[in-house]
N, C-alpha and C. Protein backbone atom coordinates (compact mmCIF):
# COMPACT_ATOMS: atom_id res chain seq x y z
N UNK A 1 143.97 13.77 210.44
CA UNK A 1 143.68 12.42 209.97
C UNK A 1 144.96 11.61 209.96
N UNK A 2 144.80 10.35 210.28
CA UNK A 2 145.97 9.49 210.27
C UNK A 2 146.20 8.96 208.86
N UNK A 3 147.34 8.36 208.63
CA UNK A 3 147.69 7.82 207.32
C UNK A 3 147.14 6.42 207.08
N UNK A 4 146.29 5.93 207.99
CA UNK A 4 145.72 4.59 207.85
C UNK A 4 144.54 4.65 206.88
N UNK A 5 144.54 3.76 205.92
CA UNK A 5 143.46 3.73 204.93
C UNK A 5 142.23 3.09 205.53
N UNK A 6 141.09 3.61 205.16
CA UNK A 6 139.83 3.02 205.57
C UNK A 6 139.66 1.68 204.88
N UNK A 7 138.84 0.77 205.45
CA UNK A 7 138.65 -0.56 204.83
C UNK A 7 138.20 -0.48 203.37
N UNK A 8 137.32 0.49 203.04
CA UNK A 8 136.86 0.56 201.67
C UNK A 8 137.95 1.07 200.72
N UNK A 9 139.02 1.65 201.27
CA UNK A 9 140.12 2.14 200.45
C UNK A 9 141.20 1.07 200.24
N UNK A 10 141.17 0.01 201.03
CA UNK A 10 142.19 -1.04 200.95
C UNK A 10 141.78 -2.13 199.98
N UNK A 11 141.69 -1.82 198.74
CA UNK A 11 141.31 -2.82 197.74
C UNK A 11 142.54 -3.58 197.29
N UNK A 12 142.34 -4.83 197.15
CA UNK A 12 143.41 -5.68 196.63
C UNK A 12 143.55 -5.45 195.13
N UNK A 13 144.76 -5.27 194.62
CA UNK A 13 144.93 -5.08 193.19
C UNK A 13 144.42 -6.27 192.37
N UNK A 14 144.45 -7.47 192.94
CA UNK A 14 143.98 -8.66 192.22
C UNK A 14 142.48 -8.59 191.97
N UNK A 15 141.75 -7.89 192.85
CA UNK A 15 140.30 -7.78 192.68
C UNK A 15 139.92 -6.81 191.57
N UNK A 16 140.66 -5.73 191.45
CA UNK A 16 140.29 -4.72 190.47
C UNK A 16 141.01 -4.92 189.13
N UNK A 17 142.16 -5.54 189.17
CA UNK A 17 142.95 -5.73 187.94
C UNK A 17 143.38 -7.19 187.87
N UNK A 18 142.88 -7.95 186.87
CA UNK A 18 143.30 -9.35 186.76
C UNK A 18 144.79 -9.43 186.50
N UNK A 19 145.42 -10.49 187.05
CA UNK A 19 146.85 -10.60 186.84
C UNK A 19 147.16 -10.95 185.39
N UNK A 20 148.36 -10.60 184.98
CA UNK A 20 148.75 -10.75 183.57
C UNK A 20 148.75 -12.21 183.13
N UNK A 21 149.14 -13.12 184.02
CA UNK A 21 149.16 -14.54 183.66
C UNK A 21 147.75 -15.07 183.39
N UNK A 22 146.81 -14.70 184.24
CA UNK A 22 145.42 -15.16 184.05
C UNK A 22 144.84 -14.59 182.76
N UNK A 23 145.15 -13.35 182.49
CA UNK A 23 144.67 -12.72 181.26
C UNK A 23 145.27 -13.41 180.04
N UNK A 24 146.54 -13.71 180.10
CA UNK A 24 147.21 -14.38 178.97
C UNK A 24 146.63 -15.78 178.76
N UNK A 25 146.38 -16.52 179.85
CA UNK A 25 145.78 -17.85 179.73
C UNK A 25 144.39 -17.77 179.09
N UNK A 26 143.61 -16.78 179.51
CA UNK A 26 142.27 -16.60 178.95
C UNK A 26 142.37 -16.28 177.46
N UNK A 27 143.30 -15.43 177.08
CA UNK A 27 143.47 -15.09 175.67
C UNK A 27 143.86 -16.32 174.86
N UNK A 28 144.70 -17.19 175.42
CA UNK A 28 145.09 -18.41 174.71
C UNK A 28 143.92 -19.38 174.56
N UNK A 29 143.11 -19.51 175.59
CA UNK A 29 141.94 -20.39 175.51
C UNK A 29 140.99 -19.89 174.44
N UNK A 30 140.72 -18.60 174.44
CA UNK A 30 139.82 -18.01 173.45
C UNK A 30 140.39 -18.18 172.04
N UNK A 31 141.68 -17.97 171.88
CA UNK A 31 142.31 -18.13 170.57
C UNK A 31 142.19 -19.57 170.08
N UNK A 32 142.40 -20.53 170.99
CA UNK A 32 142.29 -21.94 170.60
C UNK A 32 140.85 -22.30 170.22
N UNK A 33 139.89 -21.77 170.94
CA UNK A 33 138.48 -22.03 170.61
C UNK A 33 138.19 -21.52 169.20
N UNK A 34 138.63 -20.32 168.90
CA UNK A 34 138.37 -19.76 167.57
C UNK A 34 139.10 -20.54 166.49
N UNK A 35 140.36 -20.88 166.73
CA UNK A 35 141.14 -21.62 165.72
C UNK A 35 140.52 -22.98 165.45
N UNK A 36 140.24 -23.73 166.49
CA UNK A 36 139.70 -25.07 166.31
C UNK A 36 138.28 -25.03 165.75
N UNK A 37 137.46 -24.13 166.26
CA UNK A 37 136.09 -24.04 165.78
C UNK A 37 136.02 -23.73 164.30
N UNK A 38 136.77 -22.74 163.88
CA UNK A 38 136.76 -22.38 162.47
C UNK A 38 137.45 -23.45 161.62
N UNK A 39 138.55 -24.00 162.13
CA UNK A 39 139.25 -25.06 161.38
C UNK A 39 138.38 -26.28 161.14
N UNK A 40 137.69 -26.73 162.17
CA UNK A 40 136.81 -27.90 162.03
C UNK A 40 135.63 -27.58 161.13
N UNK A 41 135.07 -26.38 161.27
CA UNK A 41 133.93 -26.04 160.42
C UNK A 41 134.33 -25.93 158.95
N UNK A 42 135.50 -25.37 158.67
CA UNK A 42 135.97 -25.30 157.28
C UNK A 42 136.20 -26.71 156.73
N UNK A 43 136.76 -27.60 157.55
CA UNK A 43 136.98 -28.99 157.11
C UNK A 43 135.65 -29.68 156.80
N UNK A 44 134.66 -29.47 157.66
CA UNK A 44 133.34 -30.09 157.42
C UNK A 44 132.70 -29.57 156.13
N UNK A 45 132.77 -28.27 155.92
CA UNK A 45 132.22 -27.70 154.69
C UNK A 45 132.98 -28.22 153.48
N UNK A 46 134.30 -28.31 153.58
CA UNK A 46 135.11 -28.83 152.46
C UNK A 46 134.73 -30.27 152.14
N UNK A 47 134.52 -31.09 153.17
CA UNK A 47 134.09 -32.47 152.94
C UNK A 47 132.73 -32.49 152.26
N UNK A 48 131.82 -31.63 152.73
CA UNK A 48 130.49 -31.56 152.11
C UNK A 48 130.55 -31.14 150.65
N UNK A 49 131.40 -30.17 150.34
CA UNK A 49 131.55 -29.73 148.95
C UNK A 49 132.15 -30.84 148.10
N UNK A 50 133.16 -31.53 148.63
CA UNK A 50 133.78 -32.64 147.89
C UNK A 50 132.75 -33.73 147.61
N UNK A 51 131.92 -34.05 148.61
CA UNK A 51 130.89 -35.06 148.40
C UNK A 51 129.84 -34.61 147.37
N UNK A 52 129.56 -33.32 147.36
CA UNK A 52 128.63 -32.80 146.34
C UNK A 52 129.22 -33.00 144.95
N UNK A 53 130.51 -32.70 144.80
CA UNK A 53 131.16 -32.87 143.50
C UNK A 53 131.17 -34.34 143.09
N UNK A 54 131.49 -35.21 144.05
CA UNK A 54 131.52 -36.65 143.76
C UNK A 54 130.14 -37.14 143.34
N UNK A 55 129.10 -36.65 144.02
CA UNK A 55 127.73 -37.09 143.74
C UNK A 55 127.10 -36.34 142.56
N UNK A 56 127.81 -35.35 142.02
CA UNK A 56 127.28 -34.58 140.89
C UNK A 56 126.14 -33.65 141.28
N UNK A 57 126.15 -33.18 142.53
CA UNK A 57 125.09 -32.28 143.01
C UNK A 57 125.55 -30.83 142.80
N UNK A 58 124.68 -30.03 142.22
CA UNK A 58 124.98 -28.61 142.01
C UNK A 58 124.75 -27.84 143.30
N UNK A 59 125.63 -26.89 143.62
CA UNK A 59 125.38 -26.07 144.81
C UNK A 59 124.16 -25.17 144.66
N UNK A 60 123.67 -25.04 143.46
CA UNK A 60 122.48 -24.23 143.20
C UNK A 60 121.21 -25.07 143.14
N UNK A 61 121.32 -26.35 143.45
CA UNK A 61 120.17 -27.26 143.41
C UNK A 61 119.09 -26.79 144.38
N UNK A 62 117.90 -26.46 143.86
CA UNK A 62 116.83 -25.96 144.74
C UNK A 62 116.24 -27.04 145.65
N UNK A 63 116.55 -28.30 145.41
CA UNK A 63 115.99 -29.38 146.23
C UNK A 63 116.92 -29.78 147.37
N UNK A 64 117.94 -28.97 147.64
CA UNK A 64 118.87 -29.30 148.73
C UNK A 64 118.10 -29.37 150.04
N UNK A 65 118.37 -30.40 150.87
CA UNK A 65 117.58 -30.58 152.10
C UNK A 65 117.74 -29.41 153.07
N UNK A 66 116.65 -29.01 153.72
CA UNK A 66 116.74 -27.95 154.72
C UNK A 66 117.46 -28.45 155.97
N UNK A 67 117.86 -27.51 156.81
CA UNK A 67 118.55 -27.86 158.04
C UNK A 67 117.59 -28.52 159.01
N UNK A 68 117.94 -29.72 159.44
CA UNK A 68 117.18 -30.46 160.45
C UNK A 68 118.19 -31.10 161.39
N UNK A 69 118.40 -30.51 162.56
CA UNK A 69 119.44 -31.03 163.46
C UNK A 69 119.24 -32.48 163.86
N UNK A 70 118.02 -32.99 163.77
CA UNK A 70 117.75 -34.38 164.16
C UNK A 70 118.34 -35.38 163.19
N UNK A 71 118.62 -34.97 161.95
CA UNK A 71 119.11 -35.93 160.94
C UNK A 71 120.55 -35.67 160.49
N UNK A 72 121.19 -34.65 161.04
CA UNK A 72 122.55 -34.30 160.60
C UNK A 72 123.52 -35.47 160.81
N UNK A 73 123.48 -36.09 161.97
CA UNK A 73 124.40 -37.20 162.24
C UNK A 73 124.14 -38.36 161.29
N UNK A 74 122.87 -38.68 161.07
CA UNK A 74 122.53 -39.77 160.14
C UNK A 74 123.01 -39.43 158.73
N UNK A 75 122.86 -38.17 158.33
CA UNK A 75 123.33 -37.76 157.01
C UNK A 75 124.84 -37.92 156.91
N UNK A 76 125.55 -37.56 157.95
CA UNK A 76 127.01 -37.68 157.93
C UNK A 76 127.42 -39.15 157.87
N UNK A 77 126.76 -40.00 158.65
CA UNK A 77 127.09 -41.42 158.63
C UNK A 77 126.81 -42.05 157.27
N UNK A 78 125.82 -41.50 156.56
CA UNK A 78 125.50 -41.97 155.22
C UNK A 78 126.34 -41.27 154.15
N UNK A 79 127.28 -40.45 154.59
CA UNK A 79 128.15 -39.67 153.70
C UNK A 79 127.35 -38.79 152.74
N UNK A 80 126.26 -38.23 153.25
CA UNK A 80 125.47 -37.29 152.46
C UNK A 80 126.06 -35.90 152.67
N UNK A 81 126.26 -35.14 151.60
CA UNK A 81 126.89 -33.82 151.71
C UNK A 81 126.15 -32.87 152.66
N UNK A 82 124.84 -32.95 152.69
CA UNK A 82 124.05 -32.01 153.50
C UNK A 82 124.45 -32.05 154.97
N UNK A 83 124.69 -33.22 155.52
CA UNK A 83 125.06 -33.33 156.93
C UNK A 83 126.36 -32.59 157.24
N UNK A 84 127.35 -32.77 156.39
CA UNK A 84 128.64 -32.11 156.59
C UNK A 84 128.51 -30.59 156.42
N UNK A 85 127.77 -30.18 155.39
CA UNK A 85 127.59 -28.74 155.14
C UNK A 85 126.84 -28.07 156.28
N UNK A 86 125.73 -28.68 156.71
CA UNK A 86 124.94 -28.08 157.78
C UNK A 86 125.70 -28.04 159.10
N UNK A 87 126.41 -29.11 159.43
CA UNK A 87 127.17 -29.10 160.69
C UNK A 87 128.30 -28.07 160.62
N UNK A 88 128.96 -27.98 159.47
CA UNK A 88 130.01 -26.97 159.30
C UNK A 88 129.49 -25.56 159.47
N UNK A 89 128.32 -25.29 158.87
CA UNK A 89 127.73 -23.96 159.01
C UNK A 89 127.28 -23.69 160.44
N UNK A 90 126.68 -24.69 161.08
CA UNK A 90 126.25 -24.52 162.47
C UNK A 90 127.44 -24.25 163.39
N UNK A 91 128.53 -24.97 163.17
CA UNK A 91 129.73 -24.76 163.98
C UNK A 91 130.33 -23.38 163.73
N UNK A 92 130.28 -22.92 162.49
CA UNK A 92 130.78 -21.58 162.18
C UNK A 92 129.97 -20.52 162.92
N UNK A 93 128.68 -20.74 163.00
CA UNK A 93 127.81 -19.79 163.71
C UNK A 93 128.01 -19.89 165.22
N UNK A 94 128.19 -21.10 165.75
CA UNK A 94 128.30 -21.31 167.20
C UNK A 94 129.64 -20.90 167.78
N UNK A 95 130.70 -20.96 167.00
CA UNK A 95 132.06 -20.71 167.53
C UNK A 95 132.18 -19.37 168.25
N UNK A 96 131.71 -18.25 167.69
CA UNK A 96 131.85 -16.99 168.44
C UNK A 96 131.08 -16.98 169.76
N UNK A 97 129.93 -17.66 169.81
CA UNK A 97 129.17 -17.72 171.06
C UNK A 97 129.93 -18.53 172.12
N UNK A 98 130.56 -19.62 171.70
CA UNK A 98 131.36 -20.42 172.63
C UNK A 98 132.54 -19.59 173.13
N UNK A 99 133.10 -18.79 172.26
CA UNK A 99 134.20 -17.90 172.64
C UNK A 99 133.75 -16.92 173.72
N UNK A 100 132.57 -16.33 173.54
CA UNK A 100 132.06 -15.38 174.53
C UNK A 100 131.77 -16.10 175.85
N UNK A 101 131.22 -17.30 175.79
CA UNK A 101 130.95 -18.07 177.01
C UNK A 101 132.25 -18.42 177.74
N UNK A 102 133.29 -18.79 177.01
CA UNK A 102 134.58 -19.09 177.63
C UNK A 102 135.17 -17.83 178.26
N UNK A 103 135.01 -16.71 177.58
CA UNK A 103 135.49 -15.44 178.15
C UNK A 103 134.73 -15.12 179.44
N UNK A 104 133.42 -15.35 179.42
CA UNK A 104 132.61 -15.11 180.61
C UNK A 104 133.15 -15.91 181.80
N UNK A 105 133.42 -17.19 181.59
CA UNK A 105 133.96 -18.03 182.67
C UNK A 105 135.30 -17.49 183.15
N UNK A 106 136.16 -17.10 182.22
CA UNK A 106 137.46 -16.55 182.59
C UNK A 106 137.32 -15.26 183.39
N UNK A 107 136.44 -14.38 182.96
CA UNK A 107 136.24 -13.12 183.68
C UNK A 107 135.63 -13.35 185.06
N UNK A 108 134.75 -14.36 185.17
CA UNK A 108 134.21 -14.69 186.49
C UNK A 108 135.32 -15.15 187.43
N UNK A 109 136.21 -15.99 186.92
CA UNK A 109 137.33 -16.48 187.74
C UNK A 109 138.28 -15.35 188.13
N UNK A 110 138.43 -14.37 187.25
CA UNK A 110 139.32 -13.25 187.53
C UNK A 110 138.66 -12.19 188.41
N UNK A 111 137.34 -12.27 188.54
CA UNK A 111 136.62 -11.28 189.33
C UNK A 111 136.46 -9.95 188.59
N UNK A 112 136.51 -9.98 187.27
CA UNK A 112 136.38 -8.77 186.46
C UNK A 112 134.90 -8.53 186.17
N UNK A 113 134.23 -7.84 187.08
CA UNK A 113 132.78 -7.66 187.01
C UNK A 113 132.33 -6.94 185.74
N UNK A 114 133.06 -5.94 185.33
CA UNK A 114 132.67 -5.18 184.14
C UNK A 114 132.64 -6.08 182.91
N UNK A 115 133.67 -6.90 182.73
CA UNK A 115 133.72 -7.77 181.57
C UNK A 115 132.72 -8.92 181.68
N UNK A 116 132.41 -9.34 182.91
CA UNK A 116 131.34 -10.33 183.10
C UNK A 116 130.03 -9.77 182.59
N UNK A 117 129.75 -8.52 182.93
CA UNK A 117 128.50 -7.89 182.48
C UNK A 117 128.49 -7.72 180.96
N UNK A 118 129.62 -7.34 180.39
CA UNK A 118 129.70 -7.20 178.93
C UNK A 118 129.45 -8.56 178.27
N UNK A 119 130.09 -9.61 178.78
CA UNK A 119 129.91 -10.95 178.21
C UNK A 119 128.46 -11.41 178.34
N UNK A 120 127.86 -11.18 179.49
CA UNK A 120 126.45 -11.55 179.68
C UNK A 120 125.55 -10.77 178.72
N UNK A 121 125.86 -9.52 178.50
CA UNK A 121 125.09 -8.71 177.56
C UNK A 121 125.19 -9.26 176.14
N UNK A 122 126.39 -9.64 175.73
CA UNK A 122 126.58 -10.20 174.40
C UNK A 122 125.81 -11.51 174.26
N UNK A 123 125.91 -12.38 175.27
CA UNK A 123 125.18 -13.65 175.21
C UNK A 123 123.67 -13.42 175.20
N UNK A 124 123.20 -12.41 175.92
CA UNK A 124 121.77 -12.10 175.93
C UNK A 124 121.31 -11.65 174.54
N UNK A 125 122.11 -10.83 173.87
CA UNK A 125 121.76 -10.38 172.52
C UNK A 125 121.72 -11.57 171.56
N UNK A 126 122.70 -12.46 171.68
CA UNK A 126 122.73 -13.66 170.83
C UNK A 126 121.50 -14.52 171.09
N UNK A 127 121.18 -14.75 172.36
CA UNK A 127 120.01 -15.57 172.71
C UNK A 127 118.73 -14.93 172.19
N UNK A 128 118.60 -13.63 172.34
CA UNK A 128 117.41 -12.93 171.85
C UNK A 128 117.31 -13.06 170.33
N UNK A 129 118.43 -12.95 169.65
CA UNK A 129 118.44 -13.10 168.19
C UNK A 129 117.97 -14.48 167.77
N UNK A 130 118.41 -15.50 168.50
CA UNK A 130 118.00 -16.88 168.18
C UNK A 130 116.50 -17.04 168.42
N UNK A 131 116.01 -16.48 169.51
CA UNK A 131 114.58 -16.59 169.82
C UNK A 131 113.76 -15.89 168.75
N UNK A 132 114.17 -14.68 168.38
CA UNK A 132 113.43 -13.93 167.35
C UNK A 132 113.47 -14.66 166.02
N UNK A 133 114.63 -15.17 165.66
CA UNK A 133 114.75 -15.91 164.39
C UNK A 133 113.90 -17.18 164.43
N UNK A 134 113.84 -17.83 165.58
CA UNK A 134 113.07 -19.08 165.72
C UNK A 134 111.57 -18.86 165.65
N UNK A 135 111.14 -17.66 166.02
CA UNK A 135 109.70 -17.38 165.98
C UNK A 135 109.28 -16.77 164.66
N UNK A 136 110.26 -16.55 163.79
CA UNK A 136 109.94 -16.00 162.48
C UNK A 136 109.82 -14.49 162.48
N UNK A 137 110.07 -13.85 163.61
CA UNK A 137 110.00 -12.39 163.68
C UNK A 137 111.29 -11.76 163.21
N UNK A 138 111.22 -10.69 162.51
CA UNK A 138 112.41 -9.94 162.08
C UNK A 138 113.08 -10.64 161.00
């Protein structure tokens, strides 16, 4: 046998192993998403709590409005605590999913098939959880 590698043996290292710079950039993007998402959500919840205190509303008040995404913006514009609290909570819940979606895009660009499949699996579990919760099952 000659020392020439067969075509299937000549894999480019960039295809099987993402370069360190691309990996570092992806890690920074993900870190920024988490930092900003959680920071903004904490600020929104803090504003909502402050407005509750100003308005004399108890956090244990059983008449607190339920979550209705159609009225959150109107509630915020009216400086109602519920809008800030609900948006803050929704952002807290959404931030990890956005992080996984950003990772998916990064792994697609890097050609890291295994991590693309892992990211897709995580997003599928999240989507299934939302569907089950929305139908009242589980």
